[in-house]
Amino acid sequence: MTSGAFSVSTSVVAPGVAGGGTCCGRSWVGDERSHCCLRTRGCGEVFDDVELFDAHRVVGCCVSPWVMGLVQTKNRIWLRVLGG
């Protein structure tokens, strides 16, 4: 899948089926993860979904997930902060 001129690796599977991927020395599990591939000048991070991936790309550059206010799981997947 491409987002603009950049490549995003996504993992989309049927509900209830474990999905995941491996790229750039990273592995992840999840139904709709998005990976910003180092091989296409990306940052190598894994995002919870394609919307977060798209939001972190500004004018062809990666924005730090920290700057976006995202939090990282112990498995290094970036997520939105839940409101509370």
N, C-alpha and C. Protein backbone atom coordinates (compact mmCIF):
# COMPACT_ATOMS: atom_id res chain seq x y z
N MET A 1 0.86 -1.16 0.00
CA MET A 1 0.00 0.00 0.00
C MET A 1 0.90 1.22 0.00
N THR A 2 0.50 2.26 -0.68
CA THR A 2 1.27 3.49 -0.65
C THR A 2 0.44 4.61 -0.06
N SER A 3 1.10 5.51 0.58
CA SER A 3 0.47 6.70 1.14
C SER A 3 1.24 7.88 0.58
N GLY A 4 0.69 8.56 -0.42
CA GLY A 4 1.45 9.56 -1.12
C GLY A 4 2.55 8.87 -1.89
N ALA A 5 3.78 9.34 -1.76
CA ALA A 5 4.90 8.74 -2.47
C ALA A 5 5.64 7.73 -1.61
N PHE A 6 5.09 7.39 -0.46
CA PHE A 6 5.81 6.52 0.46
C PHE A 6 5.08 5.22 0.68
N SER A 7 5.83 4.22 1.04
CA SER A 7 5.28 2.89 1.24
C SER A 7 4.91 2.67 2.70
N VAL A 8 3.79 2.01 2.89
CA VAL A 8 3.37 1.62 4.23
C VAL A 8 3.04 0.14 4.18
N SER A 9 3.61 -0.62 5.10
CA SER A 9 3.27 -2.03 5.22
C SER A 9 2.10 -2.13 6.18
N THR A 10 1.03 -2.73 5.75
CA THR A 10 -0.11 -2.89 6.64
C THR A 10 -0.46 -4.35 6.76
N SER A 11 -1.13 -4.66 7.81
CA SER A 11 -1.57 -6.01 8.08
C SER A 11 -3.08 -5.97 8.30
N VAL A 12 -3.84 -6.49 7.37
CA VAL A 12 -5.29 -6.49 7.50
C VAL A 12 -5.77 -7.92 7.32
N VAL A 13 -6.44 -8.45 8.32
CA VAL A 13 -6.94 -9.82 8.27
C VAL A 13 -8.37 -9.85 8.77
N ALA A 14 -9.01 -10.99 8.58
CA ALA A 14 -10.39 -11.15 9.04
C ALA A 14 -10.46 -11.08 10.57
N PRO A 15 -11.57 -10.54 11.11
CA PRO A 15 -11.71 -10.47 12.57
C PRO A 15 -11.52 -11.83 13.22
N GLY A 16 -10.84 -11.82 14.34
CA GLY A 16 -10.62 -13.06 15.08
C GLY A 16 -9.41 -13.86 14.62
N VAL A 17 -8.74 -13.40 13.55
CA VAL A 17 -7.55 -14.08 13.04
C VAL A 17 -6.35 -13.21 13.38
N ALA A 18 -5.34 -13.82 13.97
CA ALA A 18 -4.15 -13.06 14.35
C ALA A 18 -3.40 -12.64 13.11
N GLY A 19 -3.16 -11.34 12.96
CA GLY A 19 -2.41 -10.82 11.84
C GLY A 19 -1.12 -10.22 12.34
N GLY A 20 -0.25 -9.87 11.44
CA GLY A 20 0.99 -9.24 11.85
C GLY A 20 1.93 -9.11 10.68
N GLY A 21 3.14 -8.70 10.96
CA GLY A 21 4.10 -8.53 9.90
C GLY A 21 5.51 -8.44 10.44
N THR A 22 6.46 -8.46 9.51
CA THR A 22 7.87 -8.31 9.83
C THR A 22 8.51 -7.50 8.72
N CYS A 23 9.26 -6.47 9.09
CA CYS A 23 9.97 -5.65 8.11
C CYS A 23 11.01 -4.82 8.86
N CYS A 24 12.11 -4.52 8.22
CA CYS A 24 13.14 -3.64 8.79
C CYS A 24 13.62 -4.12 10.16
N GLY A 25 13.64 -5.43 10.38
CA GLY A 25 14.07 -5.97 11.66
C GLY A 25 13.04 -5.83 12.77
N ARG A 26 11.83 -5.43 12.43
CA ARG A 26 10.74 -5.27 13.40
C ARG A 26 9.67 -6.31 13.12
N SER A 27 9.01 -6.75 14.16
CA SER A 27 7.86 -7.66 14.02
C SER A 27 6.71 -7.08 14.82
N TRP A 28 5.49 -7.29 14.35
CA TRP A 28 4.31 -6.80 15.06
C TRP A 28 3.14 -7.72 14.82
N VAL A 29 2.18 -7.62 15.72
CA VAL A 29 0.95 -8.40 15.63
C VAL A 29 -0.20 -7.41 15.70
N GLY A 30 -1.21 -7.63 14.90
CA GLY A 30 -2.38 -6.76 14.93
C GLY A 30 -3.12 -6.78 13.62
N ASP A 31 -4.39 -6.48 13.71
CA ASP A 31 -5.24 -6.56 12.52
C ASP A 31 -5.00 -5.44 11.52
N GLU A 32 -4.65 -4.24 11.98
CA GLU A 32 -4.52 -3.12 11.04
C GLU A 32 -3.32 -2.23 11.36
N ARG A 33 -2.18 -2.82 11.63
CA ARG A 33 -0.97 -2.04 11.92
C ARG A 33 -0.42 -1.44 10.63
N SER A 34 0.29 -0.32 10.75
CA SER A 34 0.94 0.32 9.61
C SER A 34 2.39 0.60 9.96
N HIS A 35 3.28 0.21 9.08
CA HIS A 35 4.72 0.32 9.30
C HIS A 35 5.32 1.31 8.32
N CYS A 36 6.11 2.25 8.80
CA CYS A 36 6.81 3.22 7.96
C CYS A 36 8.20 2.65 7.65
N CYS A 37 8.34 2.10 6.47
CA CYS A 37 9.50 1.29 6.10
C CYS A 37 10.78 2.11 5.92
N LEU A 38 11.86 1.65 6.56
CA LEU A 38 13.17 2.27 6.43
C LEU A 38 13.69 2.19 4.99
N ARG A 39 13.29 1.15 4.28
CA ARG A 39 13.78 0.96 2.90
C ARG A 39 13.22 2.00 1.94
N THR A 40 12.16 2.71 2.35
CA THR A 40 11.58 3.76 1.51
C THR A 40 11.75 5.12 2.17
N ARG A 41 12.86 5.29 2.89
CA ARG A 41 13.22 6.54 3.57
C ARG A 41 12.26 6.88 4.71
N GLY A 42 11.64 5.86 5.30
CA GLY A 42 10.76 6.08 6.44
C GLY A 42 11.52 5.99 7.75
N CYS A 43 10.78 6.07 8.84
CA CYS A 43 11.38 6.10 10.18
C CYS A 43 11.46 4.72 10.83
N GLY A 44 10.78 3.72 10.28
CA GLY A 44 10.83 2.37 10.83
C GLY A 44 9.82 2.11 11.93
N GLU A 45 9.00 3.11 12.27
CA GLU A 45 8.03 2.94 13.36
C GLU A 45 6.80 2.16 12.89
N VAL A 46 6.10 1.56 13.86
CA VAL A 46 4.86 0.83 13.60
C VAL A 46 3.74 1.58 14.31
N PHE A 47 2.67 1.87 13.56
CA PHE A 47 1.53 2.61 14.07
C PHE A 47 0.32 1.71 14.16
N ASP A 48 -0.59 2.08 15.05
CA ASP A 48 -1.79 1.29 15.31
C ASP A 48 -2.67 1.15 14.08
N ASP A 49 -2.70 2.17 13.22
CA ASP A 49 -3.53 2.11 12.02
C ASP A 49 -2.99 3.06 10.96
N VAL A 50 -3.56 2.99 9.77
CA VAL A 50 -3.08 3.79 8.65
C VAL A 50 -3.34 5.28 8.86
N GLU A 51 -4.36 5.65 9.62
CA GLU A 51 -4.62 7.07 9.88
C GLU A 51 -3.46 7.69 10.68
N LEU A 52 -2.95 6.97 11.66
CA LEU A 52 -1.79 7.47 12.41
C LEU A 52 -0.55 7.54 11.51
N PHE A 53 -0.40 6.54 10.65
CA PHE A 53 0.72 6.57 9.70
C PHE A 53 0.64 7.82 8.84
N ASP A 54 -0.54 8.07 8.26
CA ASP A 54 -0.70 9.24 7.40
C ASP A 54 -0.44 10.54 8.17
N ALA A 55 -0.91 10.61 9.40
CA ALA A 55 -0.74 11.83 10.21
C ALA A 55 0.73 12.10 10.54
N HIS A 56 1.54 11.05 10.59
CA HIS A 56 2.95 11.26 10.96
C HIS A 56 3.81 11.66 9.77
N ARG A 57 3.26 11.64 8.57
CA ARG A 57 4.00 12.05 7.37
C ARG A 57 3.56 13.46 6.98
N VAL A 58 4.45 14.44 7.12
CA VAL A 58 4.14 15.82 6.77
C VAL A 58 5.14 16.28 5.73
N VAL A 59 4.66 16.63 4.56
CA VAL A 59 5.49 17.10 3.46
C VAL A 59 6.69 16.17 3.23
N GLY A 60 6.42 14.88 3.18
CA GLY A 60 7.45 13.91 2.87
C GLY A 60 8.41 13.59 3.99
N CYS A 61 8.16 14.09 5.20
CA CYS A 61 9.03 13.83 6.34
C CYS A 61 8.25 13.17 7.46
N CYS A 62 8.93 12.37 8.24
CA CYS A 62 8.31 11.73 9.38
C CYS A 62 8.30 12.67 10.58
N VAL A 63 7.16 12.77 11.23
CA VAL A 63 7.02 13.55 12.46
C VAL A 63 7.17 12.56 13.61
N SER A 64 7.89 12.95 14.64
CA SER A 64 8.08 12.08 15.80
C SER A 64 6.74 11.74 16.44
N PRO A 65 6.49 10.47 16.72
CA PRO A 65 5.26 10.10 17.42
C PRO A 65 5.13 10.80 18.78
N TRP A 66 6.26 11.10 19.42
CA TRP A 66 6.23 11.84 20.70
C TRP A 66 5.61 13.21 20.50
N VAL A 67 6.01 13.89 19.42
CA VAL A 67 5.49 15.22 19.11
C VAL A 67 3.99 15.16 18.85
N MET A 68 3.53 14.06 18.27
CA MET A 68 2.11 13.87 17.96
C MET A 68 1.29 13.52 19.20
N GLY A 69 1.96 13.31 20.34
CA GLY A 69 1.25 12.95 21.57
C GLY A 69 0.84 11.50 21.64
N LEU A 70 1.51 10.64 20.85
CA LEU A 70 1.19 9.20 20.87
C LEU A 70 1.94 8.52 22.00
N VAL A 71 1.48 7.35 22.36
CA VAL A 71 2.16 6.53 23.37
C VAL A 71 2.57 5.22 22.73
N GLN A 72 3.63 4.63 23.25
CA GLN A 72 4.17 3.41 22.68
C GLN A 72 3.93 2.23 23.61
N THR A 73 3.49 1.12 23.03
CA THR A 73 3.29 -0.09 23.82
C THR A 73 4.64 -0.74 24.11
N LYS A 74 4.64 -1.75 24.97
CA LYS A 74 5.89 -2.46 25.25
C LYS A 74 6.43 -3.16 24.01
N ASN A 75 5.56 -3.37 23.01
CA ASN A 75 5.97 -3.99 21.74
C ASN A 75 6.33 -2.96 20.68
N ARG A 76 6.45 -1.69 21.10
CA ARG A 76 6.90 -0.58 20.24
C ARG A 76 5.90 -0.21 19.16
N ILE A 77 4.62 -0.34 19.42
CA ILE A 77 3.57 0.10 18.49
C ILE A 77 3.00 1.41 19.03
N TRP A 78 2.91 2.43 18.18
CA TRP A 78 2.43 3.73 18.58
C TRP A 78 0.91 3.81 18.52
N LEU A 79 0.31 4.29 19.62
CA LEU A 79 -1.16 4.37 19.75
C LEU A 79 -1.58 5.77 20.14
N ARG A 80 -2.86 6.06 19.89
CA ARG A 80 -3.47 7.30 20.39
C ARG A 80 -3.65 7.17 21.91
N VAL A 81 -3.57 8.29 22.60
CA VAL A 81 -3.85 8.32 24.03
C VAL A 81 -5.37 8.27 24.18
N LEU A 82 -5.85 7.38 25.02
CA LEU A 82 -7.29 7.30 25.27
C LEU A 82 -7.73 8.45 26.15
N GLY A 83 -8.84 9.10 25.78
CA GLY A 83 -9.36 10.20 26.60
C GLY A 83 -9.91 9.66 27.91
N GLY A 84 -9.85 10.45 28.95
CA GLY A 84 -10.32 9.91 30.20
C GLY A 84 -10.66 10.88 31.19
